[in-house]
C-alpha atoms as a PDB file:
ATOM      1  CA  MET A   1       0.000   0.000   0.000  1.00  0.00           C
ATOM      2  CA  ASN A   2       1.207   3.475  -0.845  1.00  0.00           C
ATOM      3  CA  THR A   3       2.009   5.205   2.452  1.00  0.00           C
ATOM      4  CA  THR A   4       1.944   8.628   0.785  1.00  0.00           C
ATOM      5  CA  GLN A   5      -1.837   8.367   0.537  1.00  0.00           C
ATOM      6  CA  LEU A   6      -2.066   7.333   4.190  1.00  0.00           C
ATOM      7  CA  ASN A   7       0.198  10.209   5.224  1.00  0.00           C
ATOM      8  CA  ARG A   8      -2.348  12.637   3.798  1.00  0.00           C
ATOM      9  CA  LEU A   9      -4.824  11.336   6.371  1.00  0.00           C
ATOM     10  CA  ALA A  10      -2.497  12.472   9.159  1.00  0.00           C
ATOM     11  CA  ASP A  11      -3.849  16.002   8.640  1.00  0.00           C
ATOM     12  CA  PHE A  12      -7.032  16.553  10.649  1.00  0.00           C
ATOM     13  CA  GLY A  13      -8.530  18.821   7.979  1.00  0.00           C
ATOM     14  CA  THR A  14      -8.155  16.146   5.291  1.00  0.00           C
ATOM     15  CA  ARG A  15      -9.834  13.539   7.504  1.00  0.00           C
ATOM     16  CA  SER A  16     -12.586  16.022   8.265  1.00  0.00           C
ATOM     17  CA  ILE A  17     -13.247  16.758   4.593  1.00  0.00           C
ATOM     18  CA  ILE A  18     -13.440  13.026   3.839  1.00  0.00           C
ATOM     19  CA  THR A  19     -15.821  12.441   6.742  1.00  0.00           C
ATOM     20  CA  HIS A  20     -18.034  15.365   5.701  1.00  0.00           C
ATOM     21  CA  GLY A  21     -18.063  14.028   2.125  1.00  0.00           C
ATOM     22  CA  LEU A  22     -19.171  10.619   3.375  1.00  0.00           C
ATOM     23  CA  MET A  23     -21.858  12.244   5.522  1.00  0.00           C
ATOM     24  CA  ALA A  24     -23.171  14.261   2.580  1.00  0.00           C
ATOM     25  CA  ALA A  25     -23.184  11.246   0.266  1.00  0.00           C
ATOM     26  CA  SER A  26     -24.956   9.029   2.792  1.00  0.00           C
ATOM     27  CA  LEU A  27     -27.563  11.717   3.581  1.00  0.00           C
ATOM     28  CA  VAL A  28     -28.283  12.253  -0.117  1.00  0.00           C
ATOM     29  CA  GLY A  29     -28.480   8.468  -0.499  1.00  0.00           C
ATOM     30  CA  ALA A  30     -30.914   8.218   2.413  1.00  0.00           C
ATOM     31  CA  ILE A  31     -33.153  10.940   1.009  1.00  0.00           C
ATOM     32  CA  THR A  32     -33.031   9.411  -2.468  1.00  0.00           C
ATOM     33  CA  ALA A  33     -33.796   5.924  -1.168  1.00  0.00           C
ATOM     34  CA  GLY A  34     -36.587   7.203   1.050  1.00  0.00           C
ATOM     35  CA  LEU A  35     -38.333   9.232  -1.610  1.00  0.00           C
ATOM     36  CA  PHE A  36     -37.665   7.279  -4.794  1.00  0.00           C
ATOM     37  CA  VAL A  37     -37.158   3.597  -3.888  1.00  0.00           C
ATOM     38  CA  GLY A  38     -40.419   1.863  -3.114  1.00  0.00           C
ATOM     39  CA  GLY A  39     -41.376  -0.793  -0.643  1.00  0.00           C
ATOM     40  CA  GLU A  40     -39.335  -2.383   2.100  1.00  0.00           C
ATOM     41  CA  LEU A  41     -36.058  -1.879   0.218  1.00  0.00           C
ATOM     42  CA  GLY A  42     -36.580   1.892   0.187  1.00  0.00           C
ATOM     43  CA  LEU A  43     -37.589   1.946   3.843  1.00  0.00           C
ATOM     44  CA  VAL A  44     -34.668  -0.168   5.036  1.00  0.00           C
ATOM     45  CA  SER A  45     -32.200   1.729   2.833  1.00  0.00           C
ATOM     46  CA  PHE A  46     -33.480   5.072   4.122  1.00  0.00           C
ATOM     47  CA  VAL A  47     -33.184   4.049   7.782  1.00  0.00           C
ATOM     48  CA  ALA A  48     -29.770   2.406   7.316  1.00  0.00           C
ATOM     49  CA  LEU A  49     -28.258   5.351   5.446  1.00  0.00           C
ATOM     50  CA  LEU A  50     -29.762   7.883   7.839  1.00  0.00           C
ATOM     51  CA  ASN A  51     -28.291   5.936  10.781  1.00  0.00           C
ATOM     52  CA  PHE A  52     -24.920   5.783   9.032  1.00  0.00           C
ATOM     53  CA  THR A  53     -25.022   9.567   8.519  1.00  0.00           C
ATOM     54  CA  ALA A  54     -25.907  10.098  12.183  1.00  0.00           C
ATOM     55  CA  GLY A  55     -23.062   7.856  13.314  1.00  0.00           C
ATOM     56  CA  LEU A  56     -20.560   9.674  11.128  1.00  0.00           C
ATOM     57  CA  TRP A  57     -21.853  13.016  12.364  1.00  0.00           C
ATOM     58  CA  ILE A  58     -21.399  12.148  16.020  1.00  0.00           C
ATOM     59  CA  ALA A  59     -18.014  10.537  15.331  1.00  0.00           C
ATOM     60  CA  GLN A  60     -16.843  13.695  13.513  1.00  0.00           C
ATOM     61  CA  SER A  61     -18.102  15.860  16.361  1.00  0.00           C
ATOM     62  CA  LEU A  62     -16.192  13.817  18.925  1.00  0.00           C
ATOM     63  CA  HIS A  63     -13.134  13.781  16.682  1.00  0.00           C
ATOM     64  CA  SER A  64     -13.329  17.587  16.454  1.00  0.00           C
ATOM     65  CA  LEU A  65     -13.712  17.879  20.216  1.00  0.00           C
ATOM     66  CA  GLY A  66     -10.551  15.834  20.751  1.00  0.00           C
ATOM     67  CA  HIS A  67      -8.671  17.823  18.145  1.00  0.00           C
ATOM     68  CA  ALA A  68      -9.691  21.150  19.685  1.00  0.00           C
ATOM     69  CA  ARG A  69      -8.649  19.867  23.112  1.00  0.00           C
ATOM     70  CA  ASP A  70      -5.169  19.005  21.825  1.00  0.00           C
ATOM     71  CA  GLY A  71      -4.675  22.564  20.581  1.00  0.00           C
ATOM     72  CA  GLY A  72      -5.434  21.955  16.910  1.00  0.00           C
ATOM     73  CA  GLU A  73      -5.858  24.899  14.592  1.00  0.00           C
ATOM     74  CA  TYR A  74      -8.860  23.454  12.743  1.00  0.00           C
ATOM     75  CA  SER A  75     -11.810  25.857  12.631  1.00  0.00           C
ATOM     76  CA  GLY A  76     -14.358  24.011  10.518  1.00  0.00           C
ATOM     77  CA  VAL A  77     -14.751  22.262   7.214  1.00  0.00           C
ATOM     78  CA  LEU A  78     -15.644  25.477   5.361  1.00  0.00           C
ATOM     79  CA  ASP A  79     -12.430  27.154   6.440  1.00  0.00           C
ATOM     80  CA  GLU A  80     -10.535  23.994   5.555  1.00  0.00           C
ATOM     81  CA  LEU A  81     -12.051  23.925   2.065  1.00  0.00           C
ATOM     82  CA  LEU A  82     -11.456  27.621   1.498  1.00  0.00           C
ATOM     83  CA  GLU A  83      -8.023  27.454   3.159  1.00  0.00           C
ATOM     84  CA  ARG A  84      -8.822  30.699   4.875  1.00  0.00           C
ATOM     85  CA  THR A  85      -6.913  31.770   7.932  1.00  0.00           C
ATOM     86  CA  GLU A  86      -8.300  34.401  10.234  1.00  0.00           C
ATOM     87  CA  THR A  87      -5.955  36.791  11.932  1.00  0.00           C
ATOM     88  CA  GLY A  88      -6.477  39.656  14.272  1.00  0.00           C
ATOM     89  CA  SER A  89      -7.598  40.043  17.821  1.00  0.00           C
ATOM     90  CA  ASP A  90     -11.334  39.941  17.060  1.00  0.00           C
ATOM     91  CA  SER A  91     -11.195  36.339  15.853  1.00  0.00           C
ATOM     92  CA  GLU A  92      -9.325  35.288  18.993  1.00  0.00           C
ATOM     93  CA  ARG A  93     -11.644  36.825  21.580  1.00  0.00           C
ATOM     94  CA  GLY A  94     -14.723  35.232  23.075  1.00  0.00           C
ATOM     95  CA  LEU A  95     -16.820  32.316  21.970  1.00  0.00           C
ATOM     96  CA  ASP A  96     -16.203  31.128  18.424  1.00  0.00           C
ATOM     97  CA  THR A  97     -19.617  32.335  17.290  1.00  0.00           C
ATOM     98  CA  GLY A  98     -18.890  31.909  13.590  1.00  0.00           C
ATOM     99  CA  ARG A  99     -18.160  28.234  13.998  1.00  0.00           C
ATOM    100  CA  LEU A 100     -21.102  27.801  16.359  1.00  0.00           C
ATOM    101  CA  ALA A 101     -23.431  29.568  13.894  1.00  0.00           C
ATOM    102  CA  ARG A 102     -22.241  27.408  10.984  1.00  0.00           C
ATOM    103  CA  LEU A 103     -22.765  24.294  13.065  1.00  0.00           C
ATOM    104  CA  GLY A 104     -26.217  25.462  14.186  1.00  0.00           C
ATOM    105  CA  THR A 105     -27.218  26.166  10.601  1.00  0.00           C
ATOM    106  CA  LEU A 106     -25.959  22.779   9.470  1.00  0.00           C
ATOM    107  CA  ILE A 107     -27.753  21.010  12.324  1.00  0.00           C
ATOM    108  CA  ALA A 108     -31.002  22.833  11.547  1.00  0.00           C
ATOM    109  CA  PHE A 109     -30.784  22.034   7.818  1.00  0.00           C
ATOM    110  CA  VAL A 110     -29.905  18.357   8.214  1.00  0.00           C
ATOM    111  CA  THR A 111     -32.488  17.884  10.971  1.00  0.00           C
ATOM    112  CA  ALA A 112     -35.219  19.534   8.911  1.00  0.00           C
ATOM    113  CA  VAL A 113     -34.424  17.528   5.780  1.00  0.00           C
ATOM    114  CA  SER A 114     -34.223  14.307   7.780  1.00  0.00           C
ATOM    115  CA  LEU A 115     -37.515  14.965   9.550  1.00  0.00           C
ATOM    116  CA  LEU A 116     -39.326  15.955   6.355  1.00  0.00           C
ATOM    117  CA  THR A 117     -38.062  12.871   4.556  1.00  0.00           C
ATOM    118  CA  SER A 118     -38.961  10.698   7.556  1.00  0.00           C
ATOM    119  CA  ALA A 119     -42.486  12.125   7.508  1.00  0.00           C
ATOM    120  CA  GLN A 120     -42.819  11.041   3.888  1.00  0.00           C
ATOM    121  CA  VAL A 121     -41.314   7.570   4.360  1.00  0.00           C
ATOM    122  CA  LEU A 122     -42.212   6.427   7.863  1.00  0.00           C
ATOM    123  CA  ALA A 123     -45.605   6.071   9.481  1.00  0.00           C
ATOM    124  CA  GLY A 124     -46.971   5.780  12.999  1.00  0.00           C
ATOM    125  CA  ALA A 125     -44.613   4.567  15.686  1.00  0.00           C
ATOM    126  CA  LEU A 126     -41.648   4.405  13.297  1.00  0.00           C
ATOM    127  CA  PHE A 127     -41.961   8.115  12.600  1.00  0.00           C
ATOM    128  CA  SER A 128     -42.090   8.855  16.355  1.00  0.00           C
ATOM    129  CA  VAL A 129     -38.914   6.830  16.883  1.00  0.00           C
ATOM    130  CA  ALA A 130     -37.246   8.654  13.978  1.00  0.00           C
ATOM    131  CA  VAL A 131     -38.156  12.051  15.435  1.00  0.00           C
ATOM    132  CA  VAL A 132     -36.596  11.147  18.787  1.00  0.00           C
ATOM    133  CA  ALA A 133     -33.496   9.650  17.153  1.00  0.00           C
ATOM    134  CA  ILE A 134     -32.947  12.573  14.786  1.00  0.00           C
ATOM    135  CA  GLY A 135     -33.546  15.067  17.588  1.00  0.00           C
ATOM    136  CA  SER A 136     -31.096  13.213  19.826  1.00  0.00           C
ATOM    137  CA  VAL A 137     -28.358  13.298  17.191  1.00  0.00           C
ATOM    138  CA  ALA A 138     -28.975  17.007  16.615  1.00  0.00           C
ATOM    139  CA  LEU A 139     -28.855  17.713  20.341  1.00  0.00           C
ATOM    140  CA  VAL A 140     -25.665  15.719  20.934  1.00  0.00           C
ATOM    141  CA  THR A 141     -23.995  17.411  17.971  1.00  0.00           C
ATOM    142  CA  ALA A 142     -25.062  20.861  19.173  1.00  0.00           C
ATOM    143  CA  ILE A 143     -23.767  20.161  22.680  1.00  0.00           C
ATOM    144  CA  ILE A 144     -20.411  18.960  21.359  1.00  0.00           C
ATOM    145  CA  GLY A 145     -20.154  21.988  19.055  1.00  0.00           C
ATOM    146  CA  PHE A 146     -20.875  24.300  21.965  1.00  0.00           C
ATOM    147  CA  LEU A 147     -18.253  22.533  24.086  1.00  0.00           C
ATOM    148  CA  ILE A 148     -15.686  22.922  21.310  1.00  0.00           C
ATOM    149  CA  SER A 149     -16.445  26.645  20.970  1.00  0.00           C
ATOM    150  CA  LEU A 150     -16.442  27.153  24.726  1.00  0.00           C
ATOM    151  CA  GLY A 151     -13.196  25.214  25.167  1.00  0.00           C
ATOM    152  CA  THR A 152     -11.511  27.224  22.440  1.00  0.00           C
ATOM    153  CA  ALA A 153     -12.659  30.473  24.054  1.00  0.00           C
ATOM    154  CA  TYR A 154     -11.443  29.313  27.464  1.00  0.00           C
ATOM    155  CA  ASP A 155      -8.031  28.309  26.102  1.00  0.00           C
ATOM    156  CA  ALA A 156      -7.638  31.667  24.350  1.00  0.00           C
ATOM    157  CA  SER A 157      -8.670  33.517  27.512  1.00  0.00           C
ATOM    158  CA  ALA A 158      -6.231  31.527  29.657  1.00  0.00           C
ATOM    159  CA  GLU A 159      -3.445  32.249  27.174  1.00  0.00           C
ATOM    160  CA  ARG A 160      -4.200  35.995  27.200  1.00  0.00           C
ATOM    161  CA  TRP A 161      -4.337  35.986  31.012  1.00  0.00           C
ATOM    162  CA  GLU A 162      -1.010  34.170  31.202  1.00  0.00           C
ATOM    163  CA  THR A 163       0.596  36.597  28.746  1.00  0.00           C
ATOM    164  CA  ALA A 164      -0.691  39.627  30.665  1.00  0.00           C
ATOM    165  CA  THR A 165       0.474  38.148  33.972  1.00  0.00           C
ATOM    166  CA  ASP A 166       3.948  37.442  32.587  1.00  0.00           C
ATOM    167  CA  GLN A 167       4.162  40.947  31.169  1.00  0.00           C
ATOM    168  CA  ARG A 168       3.118  42.449  34.515  1.00  0.00           C
ATOM    169  CA  ARG A 169       5.751  40.347  36.343  1.00  0.00           C
ATOM    170  CA  ARG A 170       8.453  41.552  33.944  1.00  0.00           C
ATOM    171  CA  GLU A 171       7.374  45.178  34.479  1.00  0.00           C
ATOM    172  CA  LEU A 172       7.508  44.751  38.247  1.00  0.00           C
ATOM    173  CA  ALA A 173      10.929  43.089  38.039  1.00  0.00           C
ATOM    174  CA  ASP A 174      12.221  45.918  35.822  1.00  0.00           C
ATOM    175  CA  ASN A 175      10.885  48.552  38.272  1.00  0.00           C
ATOM    176  CA  GLN A 176      12.598  46.864  41.229  1.00  0.00           C
ATOM    177  CA  GLU A 177      16.003  46.920  39.513  1.00  0.00           C
END
């Protein structure tokens, strides 16, 4: 096996893009199967692909949480695709609202599409189970996204506090000499 290809997966952003691509493909497959494939095959395919998408989504969220905890510089799949780097003090202060807003928008869109497709495909108790499952995935993903944004803000605040404290110590030491 060519290790050069595997080395590309060492980059978190590359793994994230691949995971998001798989999520998009499986969600489109679920919607297509649910709306256009009839009978039991369409129903089973819809549920299986929707579950696969949900699993990937939660796995990516946890993967992102671990990456943010280790001090990674990843700020979302859109920034990774656009290769945009933000500089300046405004992007470093406070909660990462841009990332949180993108995640909230994505969660709302995917949840709405999943629920609307489920309403067309599933009936009765199955639809009720789907609503709870889809809502649970959306909630878990939103919580993890919030934790990532909050953790990033906390780390940046601690770093600023440490820098200010060190600077103040140096000033005091200089004044005493």
